Amino acid sequence: MSKLKLLQEATAADKAWMHEVTAVFGASDAGMARFHGRATGEPGSRLRELYNEYVKARDAYGAQ
């Protein structure tokens, strides 16, 4: 897979995850939740699913 495609997938996964972070924590706390490690969600939650997808896509891009 091309590096551009991996970047696009990582960016899309990040946006989807952050959309859910905003829904869970509110717009004013979403950024702080992300950077303080609170935005990973509980196991089995939609937030955790999106976080895991983001990490997988980010790591695939970083491995290139």
C-alpha atoms as a PDB file:
ATOM      1  CA  MET A   1       0.000   0.000   0.000  1.00  0.00           C
ATOM      2  CA  SER A   2       1.305   3.462  -0.815  1.00  0.00           C
ATOM      3  CA  LYS A   3       2.419   5.825   1.902  1.00  0.00           C
ATOM      4  CA  LEU A   4      -0.180   8.345   0.702  1.00  0.00           C
ATOM      5  CA  LYS A   5      -2.981   5.791   1.089  1.00  0.00           C
ATOM      6  CA  LEU A   6      -1.738   4.889   4.573  1.00  0.00           C
ATOM      7  CA  LEU A   7      -1.701   8.581   5.512  1.00  0.00           C
ATOM      8  CA  GLN A   8      -5.232   9.031   4.192  1.00  0.00           C
ATOM      9  CA  GLU A   9      -6.430   6.043   6.201  1.00  0.00           C
ATOM     10  CA  ALA A  10      -4.702   7.273   9.360  1.00  0.00           C
ATOM     11  CA  THR A  11      -6.201  10.733   8.901  1.00  0.00           C
ATOM     12  CA  ALA A  12      -9.694   9.320   8.359  1.00  0.00           C
ATOM     13  CA  ALA A  13      -9.364   7.083  11.424  1.00  0.00           C
ATOM     14  CA  ASP A  14      -8.178  10.043  13.512  1.00  0.00           C
ATOM     15  CA  LYS A  15     -11.149  12.145  12.396  1.00  0.00           C
ATOM     16  CA  ALA A  16     -13.648   9.361  13.154  1.00  0.00           C
ATOM     17  CA  TRP A  17     -12.126   8.776  16.585  1.00  0.00           C
ATOM     18  CA  MET A  18     -12.073  12.481  17.434  1.00  0.00           C
ATOM     19  CA  HIS A  19     -15.679  12.855  16.311  1.00  0.00           C
ATOM     20  CA  GLU A  20     -16.613  10.211  18.903  1.00  0.00           C
ATOM     21  CA  VAL A  21     -14.321  11.786  21.526  1.00  0.00           C
ATOM     22  CA  THR A  22     -16.177  15.059  20.995  1.00  0.00           C
ATOM     23  CA  ALA A  23     -19.535  13.293  21.310  1.00  0.00           C
ATOM     24  CA  VAL A  24     -18.486  11.644  24.580  1.00  0.00           C
ATOM     25  CA  PHE A  25     -16.541  14.462  26.252  1.00  0.00           C
ATOM     26  CA  GLY A  26     -18.011  17.554  24.608  1.00  0.00           C
ATOM     27  CA  ALA A  27     -16.273  19.996  22.307  1.00  0.00           C
ATOM     28  CA  SER A  28     -14.636  21.929  25.131  1.00  0.00           C
ATOM     29  CA  ASP A  29     -12.995  18.849  26.723  1.00  0.00           C
ATOM     30  CA  ALA A  30     -12.263  16.639  23.693  1.00  0.00           C
ATOM     31  CA  GLY A  31      -8.721  17.874  23.100  1.00  0.00           C
ATOM     32  CA  MET A  32      -7.747  17.571  26.748  1.00  0.00           C
ATOM     33  CA  ALA A  33      -9.279  14.079  26.947  1.00  0.00           C
ATOM     34  CA  ARG A  34      -7.199  13.011  23.961  1.00  0.00           C
ATOM     35  CA  PHE A  35      -3.894  14.340  25.180  1.00  0.00           C
ATOM     36  CA  HIS A  36      -4.366  13.233  28.783  1.00  0.00           C
ATOM     37  CA  GLY A  37      -5.103   9.640  27.763  1.00  0.00           C
ATOM     38  CA  ARG A  38      -8.768   9.636  28.789  1.00  0.00           C
ATOM     39  CA  ALA A  39     -10.125   9.293  25.241  1.00  0.00           C
ATOM     40  CA  THR A  40      -9.409   5.609  24.733  1.00  0.00           C
ATOM     41  CA  GLY A  41     -12.806   4.399  25.950  1.00  0.00           C
ATOM     42  CA  GLU A  42     -13.846   1.348  27.887  1.00  0.00           C
ATOM     43  CA  PRO A  43     -13.270  -2.115  26.392  1.00  0.00           C
ATOM     44  CA  GLY A  44     -16.163  -2.943  24.074  1.00  0.00           C
ATOM     45  CA  SER A  45     -17.243   0.679  23.622  1.00  0.00           C
ATOM     46  CA  ARG A  46     -17.520   2.472  20.288  1.00  0.00           C
ATOM     47  CA  LEU A  47     -14.876   4.904  21.502  1.00  0.00           C
ATOM     48  CA  ARG A  48     -12.409   2.050  22.156  1.00  0.00           C
ATOM     49  CA  GLU A  49     -13.173   0.521  18.752  1.00  0.00           C
ATOM     50  CA  LEU A  50     -12.434   3.801  16.979  1.00  0.00           C
ATOM     51  CA  TYR A  51      -9.335   4.389  19.097  1.00  0.00           C
ATOM     52  CA  ASN A  52      -7.985   0.939  18.208  1.00  0.00           C
ATOM     53  CA  GLU A  53      -8.648   1.582  14.508  1.00  0.00           C
ATOM     54  CA  TYR A  54      -6.819   4.901  14.768  1.00  0.00           C
ATOM     55  CA  VAL A  55      -3.798   3.321  16.497  1.00  0.00           C
ATOM     56  CA  LYS A  56      -3.635   0.544  13.891  1.00  0.00           C
ATOM     57  CA  ALA A  57      -3.782   3.022  10.985  1.00  0.00           C
ATOM     58  CA  ARG A  58      -1.286   5.393  12.649  1.00  0.00           C
ATOM     59  CA  ASP A  59       1.160   2.580  13.292  1.00  0.00           C
ATOM     60  CA  ALA A  60       0.841   1.258   9.730  1.00  0.00           C
ATOM     61  CA  TYR A  61       1.663   4.708   8.405  1.00  0.00           C
ATOM     62  CA  GLY A  62       4.549   5.115  10.843  1.00  0.00           C
ATOM     63  CA  ALA A  63       6.033   1.773   9.812  1.00  0.00           C
ATOM     64  CA  GLN A  64       6.575   3.001   6.252  1.00  0.00           C
END
